[in-house]
C-alpha atoms as a PDB file:
ATOM      1  CA  UNK A   1     -13.473 115.152  18.318  1.00  0.00           C
ATOM      2  CA  UNK A   2     -10.967 117.754  19.505  1.00  0.00           C
ATOM      3  CA  UNK A   3     -10.660 119.212  22.989  1.00  0.00           C
ATOM      4  CA  UNK A   4      -8.695 122.296  23.979  1.00  0.00           C
ATOM      5  CA  UNK A   5      -6.384 122.480  26.990  1.00  0.00           C
ATOM      6  CA  UNK A   6      -4.617 125.480  28.457  1.00  0.00           C
ATOM      7  CA  UNK A   7      -0.928 125.446  29.389  1.00  0.00           C
ATOM      8  CA  UNK A   8      -1.119 127.450  32.593  1.00  0.00           C
ATOM      9  CA  UNK A   9      -0.916 131.061  31.507  1.00  0.00           C
ATOM     10  CA  UNK A  10      -0.038 130.119  27.924  1.00  0.00           C
ATOM     11  CA  UNK A  11      -2.026 129.689  24.752  1.00  0.00           C
ATOM     12  CA  UNK A  12      -4.599 126.918  24.171  1.00  0.00           C
ATOM     13  CA  UNK A  13      -3.349 123.714  22.636  1.00  0.00           C
ATOM     14  CA  UNK A  14      -5.498 121.362  20.579  1.00  0.00           C
ATOM     15  CA  UNK A  15      -5.400 117.694  21.550  1.00  0.00           C
ATOM     16  CA  UNK A  16      -7.121 114.864  19.749  1.00  0.00           C
ATOM     17  CA  UNK A  17      -9.522 112.925  21.969  1.00  0.00           C
ATOM     18  CA  UNK A  18      -9.577 109.159  21.473  1.00  0.00           C
ATOM     19  CA  UNK A  19     -12.026 106.553  22.737  1.00  0.00           C
ATOM     20  CA  UNK A  20     -10.676 105.077  25.984  1.00  0.00           C
ATOM     21  CA  UNK A  21     -10.984 101.483  24.808  1.00  0.00           C
ATOM     22  CA  UNK A  22      -8.654 102.064  21.857  1.00  0.00           C
ATOM     23  CA  UNK A  23      -6.387 104.869  23.043  1.00  0.00           C
ATOM     24  CA  UNK A  24      -3.630 102.680  24.414  1.00  0.00           C
ATOM     25  CA  UNK A  25      -2.352  99.448  22.906  1.00  0.00           C
ATOM     26  CA  UNK A  26       0.932  97.604  22.946  1.00  0.00           C
ATOM     27  CA  UNK A  27       1.541  99.297  19.609  1.00  0.00           C
ATOM     28  CA  UNK A  28       1.103 102.752  21.124  1.00  0.00           C
ATOM     29  CA  UNK A  29       3.700 102.005  23.779  1.00  0.00           C
ATOM     30  CA  UNK A  30       6.050 100.639  21.133  1.00  0.00           C
ATOM     31  CA  UNK A  31       5.632 103.762  19.025  1.00  0.00           C
ATOM     32  CA  UNK A  32       6.377 105.929  22.046  1.00  0.00           C
ATOM     33  CA  UNK A  33       9.423 103.799  22.888  1.00  0.00           C
ATOM     34  CA  UNK A  34      10.702 104.195  19.327  1.00  0.00           C
ATOM     35  CA  UNK A  35      10.527 107.981  19.782  1.00  0.00           C
ATOM     36  CA  UNK A  36      11.925 107.898  23.311  1.00  0.00           C
ATOM     37  CA  UNK A  37      14.902 105.552  22.800  1.00  0.00           C
ATOM     38  CA  UNK A  38      17.032 107.953  20.717  1.00  0.00           C
ATOM     39  CA  UNK A  39      16.294 110.756  23.187  1.00  0.00           C
ATOM     40  CA  UNK A  40      17.443 108.541  26.036  1.00  0.00           C
ATOM     41  CA  UNK A  41      20.545 107.432  24.147  1.00  0.00           C
ATOM     42  CA  UNK A  42      21.429 111.037  23.314  1.00  0.00           C
ATOM     43  CA  UNK A  43      21.132 112.139  26.934  1.00  0.00           C
ATOM     44  CA  UNK A  44      23.238 109.181  28.085  1.00  0.00           C
ATOM     45  CA  UNK A  45      26.010 109.660  25.524  1.00  0.00           C
ATOM     46  CA  UNK A  46      27.908 112.466  27.365  1.00  0.00           C
ATOM     47  CA  UNK A  47      28.044 110.239  30.485  1.00  0.00           C
ATOM     48  CA  UNK A  48      29.767 107.304  28.784  1.00  0.00           C
ATOM     49  CA  UNK A  49      33.379 108.488  28.918  1.00  0.00           C
ATOM     50  CA  UNK A  50      34.565 106.004  31.533  1.00  0.00           C
ATOM     51  CA  UNK A  51      35.372 102.561  30.081  1.00  0.00           C
ATOM     52  CA  UNK A  52      33.101  99.701  31.179  1.00  0.00           C
ATOM     53  CA  UNK A  53      30.957 101.999  33.341  1.00  0.00           C
ATOM     54  CA  UNK A  54      29.403 103.736  30.347  1.00  0.00           C
ATOM     55  CA  UNK A  55      28.888 100.422  28.596  1.00  0.00           C
ATOM     56  CA  UNK A  56      27.114  98.965  31.637  1.00  0.00           C
ATOM     57  CA  UNK A  57      24.915 102.047  31.969  1.00  0.00           C
ATOM     58  CA  UNK A  58      23.855 101.776  28.339  1.00  0.00           C
ATOM     59  CA  UNK A  59      23.347  98.005  28.634  1.00  0.00           C
ATOM     60  CA  UNK A  60      20.774  98.481  31.360  1.00  0.00           C
ATOM     61  CA  UNK A  61      19.181 101.779  30.327  1.00  0.00           C
ATOM     62  CA  UNK A  62      18.787 101.058  26.621  1.00  0.00           C
ATOM     63  CA  UNK A  63      17.599  97.464  26.910  1.00  0.00           C
ATOM     64  CA  UNK A  64      14.000  98.049  25.906  1.00  0.00           C
ATOM     65  CA  UNK A  65      11.165  97.649  28.359  1.00  0.00           C
ATOM     66  CA  UNK A  66       7.672  99.082  28.231  1.00  0.00           C
ATOM     67  CA  UNK A  67       8.785 102.657  29.103  1.00  0.00           C
ATOM     68  CA  UNK A  68       5.485 102.996  30.929  1.00  0.00           C
ATOM     69  CA  UNK A  69       6.654 105.608  33.432  1.00  0.00           C
ATOM     70  CA  UNK A  70       8.048 107.940  30.747  1.00  0.00           C
ATOM     71  CA  UNK A  71       4.872 107.428  28.743  1.00  0.00           C
ATOM     72  CA  UNK A  72       2.761 108.453  31.741  1.00  0.00           C
ATOM     73  CA  UNK A  73       4.855 111.574  32.361  1.00  0.00           C
ATOM     74  CA  UNK A  74       4.781 112.725  28.750  1.00  0.00           C
ATOM     75  CA  UNK A  75       1.053 112.005  28.461  1.00  0.00           C
ATOM     76  CA  UNK A  76       0.247 113.892  31.675  1.00  0.00           C
ATOM     77  CA  UNK A  77       2.397 116.822  30.559  1.00  0.00           C
ATOM     78  CA  UNK A  78       0.643 116.776  27.201  1.00  0.00           C
ATOM     79  CA  UNK A  79      -2.664 117.549  28.898  1.00  0.00           C
ATOM     80  CA  UNK A  80      -1.300 121.026  29.552  1.00  0.00           C
ATOM     81  CA  UNK A  81       0.570 121.610  26.305  1.00  0.00           C
ATOM     82  CA  UNK A  82       4.089 121.116  27.665  1.00  0.00           C
ATOM     83  CA  UNK A  83       6.725 121.207  24.930  1.00  0.00           C
ATOM     84  CA  UNK A  84       7.636 117.618  24.107  1.00  0.00           C
ATOM     85  CA  UNK A  85      11.443 118.028  24.415  1.00  0.00           C
ATOM     86  CA  UNK A  86      10.980 119.318  27.954  1.00  0.00           C
ATOM     87  CA  UNK A  87       8.685 116.446  28.913  1.00  0.00           C
ATOM     88  CA  UNK A  88      11.034 113.918  27.305  1.00  0.00           C
ATOM     89  CA  UNK A  89      13.982 115.149  29.375  1.00  0.00           C
ATOM     90  CA  UNK A  90      12.013 114.764  32.591  1.00  0.00           C
ATOM     91  CA  UNK A  91      10.806 111.352  31.414  1.00  0.00           C
ATOM     92  CA  UNK A  92      14.415 110.316  30.795  1.00  0.00           C
ATOM     93  CA  UNK A  93      15.264 111.236  34.391  1.00  0.00           C
ATOM     94  CA  UNK A  94      12.442 109.001  35.637  1.00  0.00           C
ATOM     95  CA  UNK A  95      13.631 106.137  33.454  1.00  0.00           C
ATOM     96  CA  UNK A  96      17.220 106.506  34.650  1.00  0.00           C
ATOM     97  CA  UNK A  97      16.079 106.120  38.246  1.00  0.00           C
ATOM     98  CA  UNK A  98      13.879 103.169  37.303  1.00  0.00           C
ATOM     99  CA  UNK A  99      16.796 101.471  35.522  1.00  0.00           C
ATOM    100  CA  UNK A 100      19.118 102.082  38.474  1.00  0.00           C
ATOM    101  CA  UNK A 101      16.547 100.457  40.763  1.00  0.00           C
ATOM    102  CA  UNK A 102      16.349  97.366  38.537  1.00  0.00           C
ATOM    103  CA  UNK A 103      20.134  96.997  38.447  1.00  0.00           C
ATOM    104  CA  UNK A 104      20.338  97.112  42.234  1.00  0.00           C
ATOM    105  CA  UNK A 105      17.194  95.022  42.744  1.00  0.00           C
ATOM    106  CA  UNK A 106      18.753  92.176  40.732  1.00  0.00           C
ATOM    107  CA  UNK A 107      21.982  92.077  42.774  1.00  0.00           C
ATOM    108  CA  UNK A 108      22.784  88.939  44.805  1.00  0.00           C
ATOM    109  CA  UNK A 109      22.325  90.902  48.034  1.00  0.00           C
ATOM    110  CA  UNK A 110      18.791  91.883  46.968  1.00  0.00           C
ATOM    111  CA  UNK A 111      16.607  89.629  44.763  1.00  0.00           C
ATOM    112  CA  UNK A 112      19.569  87.764  43.239  1.00  0.00           C
ATOM    113  CA  UNK A 113      18.177  87.488  39.719  1.00  0.00           C
ATOM    114  CA  UNK A 114      20.057  86.522  36.572  1.00  0.00           C
ATOM    115  CA  UNK A 115      17.443  87.499  33.973  1.00  0.00           C
ATOM    116  CA  UNK A 116      15.968  90.904  33.183  1.00  0.00           C
ATOM    117  CA  UNK A 117      14.013  91.782  30.047  1.00  0.00           C
ATOM    118  CA  UNK A 118      15.035  88.520  28.450  1.00  0.00           C
ATOM    119  CA  UNK A 119      18.785  88.766  28.922  1.00  0.00           C
ATOM    120  CA  UNK A 120      21.488  88.583  31.582  1.00  0.00           C
ATOM    121  CA  UNK A 121      21.180  91.099  34.400  1.00  0.00           C
ATOM    122  CA  UNK A 122      23.826  93.816  34.659  1.00  0.00           C
ATOM    123  CA  UNK A 123      25.885  92.155  37.399  1.00  0.00           C
ATOM    124  CA  UNK A 124      25.904  88.870  35.464  1.00  0.00           C
ATOM    125  CA  UNK A 125      26.897  90.540  32.180  1.00  0.00           C
ATOM    126  CA  UNK A 126      29.624  92.596  33.885  1.00  0.00           C
ATOM    127  CA  UNK A 127      30.258  92.131  37.618  1.00  0.00           C
ATOM    128  CA  UNK A 128      28.718  93.239  40.901  1.00  0.00           C
ATOM    129  CA  UNK A 129      30.953  96.258  41.433  1.00  0.00           C
ATOM    130  CA  UNK A 130      30.330  97.570  37.914  1.00  0.00           C
ATOM    131  CA  UNK A 131      26.589  97.034  38.339  1.00  0.00           C
ATOM    132  CA  UNK A 132      26.538  99.001  41.604  1.00  0.00           C
ATOM    133  CA  UNK A 133      28.463 101.862  40.022  1.00  0.00           C
ATOM    134  CA  UNK A 134      26.300 101.861  36.873  1.00  0.00           C
ATOM    135  CA  UNK A 135      23.204 102.135  39.044  1.00  0.00           C
ATOM    136  CA  UNK A 136      24.737 104.916  41.123  1.00  0.00           C
ATOM    137  CA  UNK A 137      25.700 106.832  37.971  1.00  0.00           C
ATOM    138  CA  UNK A 138      22.205 106.589  36.482  1.00  0.00           C
ATOM    139  CA  UNK A 139      20.630 107.744  39.747  1.00  0.00           C
ATOM    140  CA  UNK A 140      22.785 110.858  40.019  1.00  0.00           C
ATOM    141  CA  UNK A 141      22.464 111.659  36.306  1.00  0.00           C
ATOM    142  CA  UNK A 142      18.699 111.853  36.701  1.00  0.00           C
ATOM    143  CA  UNK A 143      18.912 114.796  39.079  1.00  0.00           C
ATOM    144  CA  UNK A 144      21.343 116.634  36.816  1.00  0.00           C
ATOM    145  CA  UNK A 145      18.792 116.293  34.018  1.00  0.00           C
ATOM    146  CA  UNK A 146      15.978 117.744  36.108  1.00  0.00           C
ATOM    147  CA  UNK A 147      18.157 120.612  37.350  1.00  0.00           C
ATOM    148  CA  UNK A 148      19.140 121.640  33.817  1.00  0.00           C
ATOM    149  CA  UNK A 149      17.371 124.787  32.489  1.00  0.00           C
ATOM    150  CA  UNK A 150      16.687 122.935  29.255  1.00  0.00           C
ATOM    151  CA  UNK A 151      14.151 120.833  31.162  1.00  0.00           C
ATOM    152  CA  UNK A 152      12.247 123.936  32.303  1.00  0.00           C
ATOM    153  CA  UNK A 153      13.256 127.595  32.311  1.00  0.00           C
ATOM    154  CA  UNK A 154      11.724 128.248  35.744  1.00  0.00           C
ATOM    155  CA  UNK A 155      14.068 127.358  38.651  1.00  0.00           C
ATOM    156  CA  UNK A 156      11.095 126.864  40.981  1.00  0.00           C
ATOM    157  CA  UNK A 157       9.675 124.222  38.646  1.00  0.00           C
ATOM    158  CA  UNK A 158      13.015 122.428  38.440  1.00  0.00           C
ATOM    159  CA  UNK A 159      13.361 122.443  42.228  1.00  0.00           C
ATOM    160  CA  UNK A 160       9.898 120.924  42.549  1.00  0.00           C
ATOM    161  CA  UNK A 161      10.784 118.192  40.041  1.00  0.00           C
ATOM    162  CA  UNK A 162      13.951 117.378  42.000  1.00  0.00           C
ATOM    163  CA  UNK A 163      11.992 117.362  45.259  1.00  0.00           C
ATOM    164  CA  UNK A 164       9.410 114.956  43.871  1.00  0.00           C
ATOM    165  CA  UNK A 165      11.953 112.540  42.421  1.00  0.00           C
ATOM    166  CA  UNK A 166      14.134 112.525  45.542  1.00  0.00           C
ATOM    167  CA  UNK A 167      11.085 111.740  47.672  1.00  0.00           C
ATOM    168  CA  UNK A 168       9.832 108.995  45.389  1.00  0.00           C
ATOM    169  CA  UNK A 169      13.232 107.349  45.001  1.00  0.00           C
ATOM    170  CA  UNK A 170      14.454 107.559  48.599  1.00  0.00           C
ATOM    171  CA  UNK A 171      13.747 106.276  52.085  1.00  0.00           C
ATOM    172  CA  UNK A 172      10.143 107.483  52.000  1.00  0.00           C
ATOM    173  CA  UNK A 173       9.577 105.928  48.594  1.00  0.00           C
ATOM    174  CA  UNK A 174      11.179 103.210  46.506  1.00  0.00           C
ATOM    175  CA  UNK A 175      14.217 102.520  48.718  1.00  0.00           C
ATOM    176  CA  UNK A 176      12.038 102.336  51.815  1.00  0.00           C
ATOM    177  CA  UNK A 177       9.711  99.940  50.014  1.00  0.00           C
ATOM    178  CA  UNK A 178      12.637  97.736  49.031  1.00  0.00           C
ATOM    179  CA  UNK A 179      13.716  97.557  52.665  1.00  0.00           C
ATOM    180  CA  UNK A 180      10.202  96.563  53.715  1.00  0.00           C
ATOM    181  CA  UNK A 181      10.230  93.925  50.986  1.00  0.00           C
ATOM    182  CA  UNK A 182      13.467  92.414  52.273  1.00  0.00           C
ATOM    183  CA  UNK A 183      12.184  92.426  55.844  1.00  0.00           C
ATOM    184  CA  UNK A 184       8.962  90.725  54.755  1.00  0.00           C
ATOM    185  CA  UNK A 185      10.595  87.594  53.357  1.00  0.00           C
ATOM    186  CA  UNK A 186       9.106  84.626  55.169  1.00  0.00           C
ATOM    187  CA  UNK A 187       6.462  86.820  56.821  1.00  0.00           C
ATOM    188  CA  UNK A 188       2.702  86.671  56.274  1.00  0.00           C
ATOM    189  CA  UNK A 189       1.677  90.274  55.643  1.00  0.00           C
ATOM    190  CA  UNK A 190      -1.856  91.590  55.960  1.00  0.00           C
ATOM    191  CA  UNK A 191      -3.246  93.282  52.869  1.00  0.00           C
ATOM    192  CA  UNK A 192      -2.835  96.820  54.248  1.00  0.00           C
ATOM    193  CA  UNK A 193       0.844  96.160  55.025  1.00  0.00           C
ATOM    194  CA  UNK A 194       1.370  94.681  51.564  1.00  0.00           C
ATOM    195  CA  UNK A 195      -0.261  97.693  49.950  1.00  0.00           C
ATOM    196  CA  UNK A 196       1.952 100.055  51.959  1.00  0.00           C
ATOM    197  CA  UNK A 197       5.061  98.124  50.894  1.00  0.00           C
ATOM    198  CA  UNK A 198       4.203  98.243  47.209  1.00  0.00           C
ATOM    199  CA  UNK A 199       2.863 101.770  47.400  1.00  0.00           C
ATOM    200  CA  UNK A 200       6.449 102.710  48.232  1.00  0.00           C
ATOM    201  CA  UNK A 201       8.456 100.197  46.211  1.00  0.00           C
ATOM    202  CA  UNK A 202       6.444 100.317  42.976  1.00  0.00           C
ATOM    203  CA  UNK A 203       3.815 103.007  43.298  1.00  0.00           C
ATOM    204  CA  UNK A 204       5.932 105.963  44.383  1.00  0.00           C
ATOM    205  CA  UNK A 205       7.777 106.219  41.073  1.00  0.00           C
ATOM    206  CA  UNK A 206       4.558 105.867  39.065  1.00  0.00           C
ATOM    207  CA  UNK A 207       2.984 108.682  41.081  1.00  0.00           C
ATOM    208  CA  UNK A 208       6.161 110.717  40.605  1.00  0.00           C
ATOM    209  CA  UNK A 209       6.047 110.282  36.830  1.00  0.00           C
ATOM    210  CA  UNK A 210       2.464 111.513  36.556  1.00  0.00           C
ATOM    211  CA  UNK A 211       2.936 114.325  39.069  1.00  0.00           C
ATOM    212  CA  UNK A 212       6.089 115.569  37.327  1.00  0.00           C
ATOM    213  CA  UNK A 213       4.025 115.877  34.145  1.00  0.00           C
ATOM    214  CA  UNK A 214       1.455 117.900  36.065  1.00  0.00           C
ATOM    215  CA  UNK A 215       4.169 120.127  37.549  1.00  0.00           C
ATOM    216  CA  UNK A 216       5.696 120.815  34.144  1.00  0.00           C
ATOM    217  CA  UNK A 217       2.217 121.745  32.928  1.00  0.00           C
ATOM    218  CA  UNK A 218       1.410 124.018  35.899  1.00  0.00           C
ATOM    219  CA  UNK A 219      -1.725 121.957  36.492  1.00  0.00           C
ATOM    220  CA  UNK A 220      -4.303 123.432  38.891  1.00  0.00           C
ATOM    221  CA  UNK A 221      -3.960 122.047  42.416  1.00  0.00           C
ATOM    222  CA  UNK A 222      -7.166 120.027  42.272  1.00  0.00           C
ATOM    223  CA  UNK A 223      -6.208 118.425  38.958  1.00  0.00           C
ATOM    224  CA  UNK A 224      -2.712 117.665  40.216  1.00  0.00           C
ATOM    225  CA  UNK A 225      -4.220 115.935  43.257  1.00  0.00           C
ATOM    226  CA  UNK A 226      -6.608 113.924  41.065  1.00  0.00           C
ATOM    227  CA  UNK A 227      -3.757 112.849  38.808  1.00  0.00           C
ATOM    228  CA  UNK A 228      -1.761 111.719  41.842  1.00  0.00           C
ATOM    229  CA  UNK A 229      -4.695 109.644  43.101  1.00  0.00           C
ATOM    230  CA  UNK A 230      -5.046 108.113  39.645  1.00  0.00           C
ATOM    231  CA  UNK A 231      -1.356 107.215  39.663  1.00  0.00           C
ATOM    232  CA  UNK A 232      -1.495 105.782  43.188  1.00  0.00           C
ATOM    233  CA  UNK A 233      -4.303 103.413  42.232  1.00  0.00           C
ATOM    234  CA  UNK A 234      -2.651 102.610  38.901  1.00  0.00           C
ATOM    235  CA  UNK A 235       0.610 101.703  40.636  1.00  0.00           C
ATOM    236  CA  UNK A 236      -1.173  99.349  42.981  1.00  0.00           C
ATOM    237  CA  UNK A 237      -3.066  97.720  40.098  1.00  0.00           C
ATOM    238  CA  UNK A 238       0.254  97.310  38.275  1.00  0.00           C
ATOM    239  CA  UNK A 239       1.756  95.480  41.246  1.00  0.00           C
ATOM    240  CA  UNK A 240      -1.276  93.237  41.725  1.00  0.00           C
ATOM    241  CA  UNK A 241      -0.985  92.176  38.091  1.00  0.00           C
ATOM    242  CA  UNK A 242       2.769  91.655  38.526  1.00  0.00           C
ATOM    243  CA  UNK A 243       1.932  89.159  41.270  1.00  0.00           C
ATOM    244  CA  UNK A 244      -0.572  87.431  38.996  1.00  0.00           C
ATOM    245  CA  UNK A 245       1.906  87.240  36.126  1.00  0.00           C
ATOM    246  CA  UNK A 246       4.617  85.920  38.448  1.00  0.00           C
ATOM    247  CA  UNK A 247       2.566  82.739  38.892  1.00  0.00           C
ATOM    248  CA  UNK A 248       0.908  82.561  35.467  1.00  0.00           C
ATOM    249  CA  UNK A 249       3.576  83.817  33.040  1.00  0.00           C
ATOM    250  CA  UNK A 250       6.641  82.146  31.549  1.00  0.00           C
ATOM    251  CA  UNK A 251      10.211  83.430  31.491  1.00  0.00           C
ATOM    252  CA  UNK A 252       9.823  84.008  27.743  1.00  0.00           C
ATOM    253  CA  UNK A 253       6.692  86.121  28.239  1.00  0.00           C
ATOM    254  CA  UNK A 254       7.963  88.061  31.249  1.00  0.00           C
ATOM    255  CA  UNK A 255      11.628  88.451  30.306  1.00  0.00           C
ATOM    256  CA  UNK A 256      12.522  87.585  33.900  1.00  0.00           C
ATOM    257  CA  UNK A 257      12.431  84.600  36.208  1.00  0.00           C
ATOM    258  CA  UNK A 258       8.860  83.741  37.276  1.00  0.00           C
ATOM    259  CA  UNK A 259       7.932  82.222  40.620  1.00  0.00           C
ATOM    260  CA  UNK A 260      10.653  83.927  42.637  1.00  0.00           C
ATOM    261  CA  UNK A 261       8.225  85.413  45.161  1.00  0.00           C
ATOM    262  CA  UNK A 262       7.055  81.954  46.178  1.00  0.00           C
ATOM    263  CA  UNK A 263      10.627  80.705  46.485  1.00  0.00           C
ATOM    264  CA  UNK A 264      11.453  83.690  48.724  1.00  0.00           C
ATOM    265  CA  UNK A 265       8.270  83.069  50.735  1.00  0.00           C
ATOM    266  CA  UNK A 266       7.012  86.593  50.110  1.00  0.00           C
ATOM    267  CA  UNK A 267       3.446  87.660  50.706  1.00  0.00           C
ATOM    268  CA  UNK A 268       1.763  88.613  47.449  1.00  0.00           C
ATOM    269  CA  UNK A 269      -1.700  89.621  46.361  1.00  0.00           C
ATOM    270  CA  UNK A 270      -2.067  86.149  44.883  1.00  0.00           C
ATOM    271  CA  UNK A 271      -1.140  84.456  48.164  1.00  0.00           C
ATOM    272  CA  UNK A 272      -3.719  86.662  49.920  1.00  0.00           C
ATOM    273  CA  UNK A 273      -6.524  86.723  47.349  1.00  0.00           C
ATOM    274  CA  UNK A 274      -5.846  83.860  44.953  1.00  0.00           C
ATOM    275  CA  UNK A 275      -5.264  84.346  41.222  1.00  0.00           C
ATOM    276  CA  UNK A 276      -8.889  85.114  40.373  1.00  0.00           C
ATOM    277  CA  UNK A 277      -9.318  87.365  43.390  1.00  0.00           C
ATOM    278  CA  UNK A 278      -6.146  89.268  42.557  1.00  0.00           C
ATOM    279  CA  UNK A 279      -7.237  89.755  38.943  1.00  0.00           C
ATOM    280  CA  UNK A 280     -10.589  91.066  40.137  1.00  0.00           C
ATOM    281  CA  UNK A 281      -8.913  93.436  42.595  1.00  0.00           C
ATOM    282  CA  UNK A 282      -6.620  94.760  39.869  1.00  0.00           C
ATOM    283  CA  UNK A 283      -9.689  95.456  37.748  1.00  0.00           C
ATOM    284  CA  UNK A 284     -11.351  97.300  40.616  1.00  0.00           C
ATOM    285  CA  UNK A 285      -8.246  99.423  41.207  1.00  0.00           C
ATOM    286  CA  UNK A 286      -7.966 100.222  37.510  1.00  0.00           C
ATOM    287  CA  UNK A 287     -11.601 101.322  37.369  1.00  0.00           C
ATOM    288  CA  UNK A 288     -11.102 103.558  40.403  1.00  0.00           C
ATOM    289  CA  UNK A 289      -7.983 105.032  38.812  1.00  0.00           C
ATOM    290  CA  UNK A 290      -9.844 105.905  35.622  1.00  0.00           C
ATOM    291  CA  UNK A 291     -12.707 107.404  37.620  1.00  0.00           C
ATOM    292  CA  UNK A 292     -10.308 109.635  39.569  1.00  0.00           C
ATOM    293  CA  UNK A 293      -9.522 111.705  36.471  1.00  0.00           C
ATOM    294  CA  UNK A 294     -12.701 111.425  34.411  1.00  0.00           C
ATOM    295  CA  UNK A 295     -13.587 115.078  35.067  1.00  0.00           C
ATOM    296  CA  UNK A 296     -10.240 116.295  33.682  1.00  0.00           C
ATOM    297  CA  UNK A 297     -10.552 116.984  29.979  1.00  0.00           C
ATOM    298  CA  UNK A 298      -8.412 115.068  27.522  1.00  0.00           C
ATOM    299  CA  UNK A 299      -7.504 112.178  29.854  1.00  0.00           C
ATOM    300  CA  UNK A 300      -8.804 109.393  27.618  1.00  0.00           C
ATOM    301  CA  UNK A 301      -5.254 108.187  26.999  1.00  0.00           C
ATOM    302  CA  UNK A 302      -4.415 108.005  30.694  1.00  0.00           C
ATOM    303  CA  UNK A 303      -7.678 106.238  31.498  1.00  0.00           C
ATOM    304  CA  UNK A 304      -6.927 103.696  28.785  1.00  0.00           C
ATOM    305  CA  UNK A 305      -3.624 102.916  30.509  1.00  0.00           C
ATOM    306  CA  UNK A 306      -5.602 101.558  33.455  1.00  0.00           C
ATOM    307  CA  UNK A 307      -7.341  99.096  31.165  1.00  0.00           C
ATOM    308  CA  UNK A 308      -4.001  98.143  29.604  1.00  0.00           C
ATOM    309  CA  UNK A 309      -2.510  97.419  33.038  1.00  0.00           C
ATOM    310  CA  UNK A 310      -5.022  94.648  33.758  1.00  0.00           C
ATOM    311  CA  UNK A 311      -4.805  93.177  30.234  1.00  0.00           C
ATOM    312  CA  UNK A 312      -1.023  93.016  29.908  1.00  0.00           C
ATOM    313  CA  UNK A 313       0.804  89.720  29.644  1.00  0.00           C
ATOM    314  CA  UNK A 314       4.269  90.941  30.655  1.00  0.00           C
END
């Protein structure tokens, strides 16, 4: 079955509709990552002129991972027929910010972790100063990517992309959430406070990825809002499952140290709801996320992501 989507004022684009229960698999993410990795490496290459710094940037940015946020952006953009090279550039900017956040999150002054994606964290492989600078460089490079006319010819679109990413990454988004997380160590948070924390720390960048795809595609306002609500619920479901996996997964499965939240005496969805309750809540959030966009044509792939989130093992 084929559906047709319009790219704003442009021509219709044919997109293949797939059954939601089979649209997204680990294999689909791996195939996307195989396409995305060389794009990411090519965009990073001009930034690697400084010894050690460039190596550390590549070590953290090109170390694998699910590439879920880029996948969401490219898939959302694809609903509106956005040219793939344009969407991939914006997706690379999102991934650069995500990688910077992981580098800094692992530092001794933050979560003090030695393992990320199955290998030594950036500050362990290099040193703390190099890790800080590598993160800073990736963060600033992301905005240069979005501001480049090759990402979108319309300056107003590029400004909106920059505005969205700066909001999601900064004090009213991911950085603010990280501060709340640090302040919450040893505290018993109520569920609404925990959801606010993770809505900023984890959810803001997931919403940003989906909304940037909608912006590139000139999505109608009501569809853009629905996609943002989908992403908000998806981000929360993702975090709930992270909490579940932190107590049920192994270091080999997760590629990072499990059980650290309990050691740090952090409130989690598992500590509030129990493992079974948290799994059930993640399923509820995923169902609500899928329902938020069911009236938008061609969203089978995005709705399947919600199911993937609650089935993942890492």
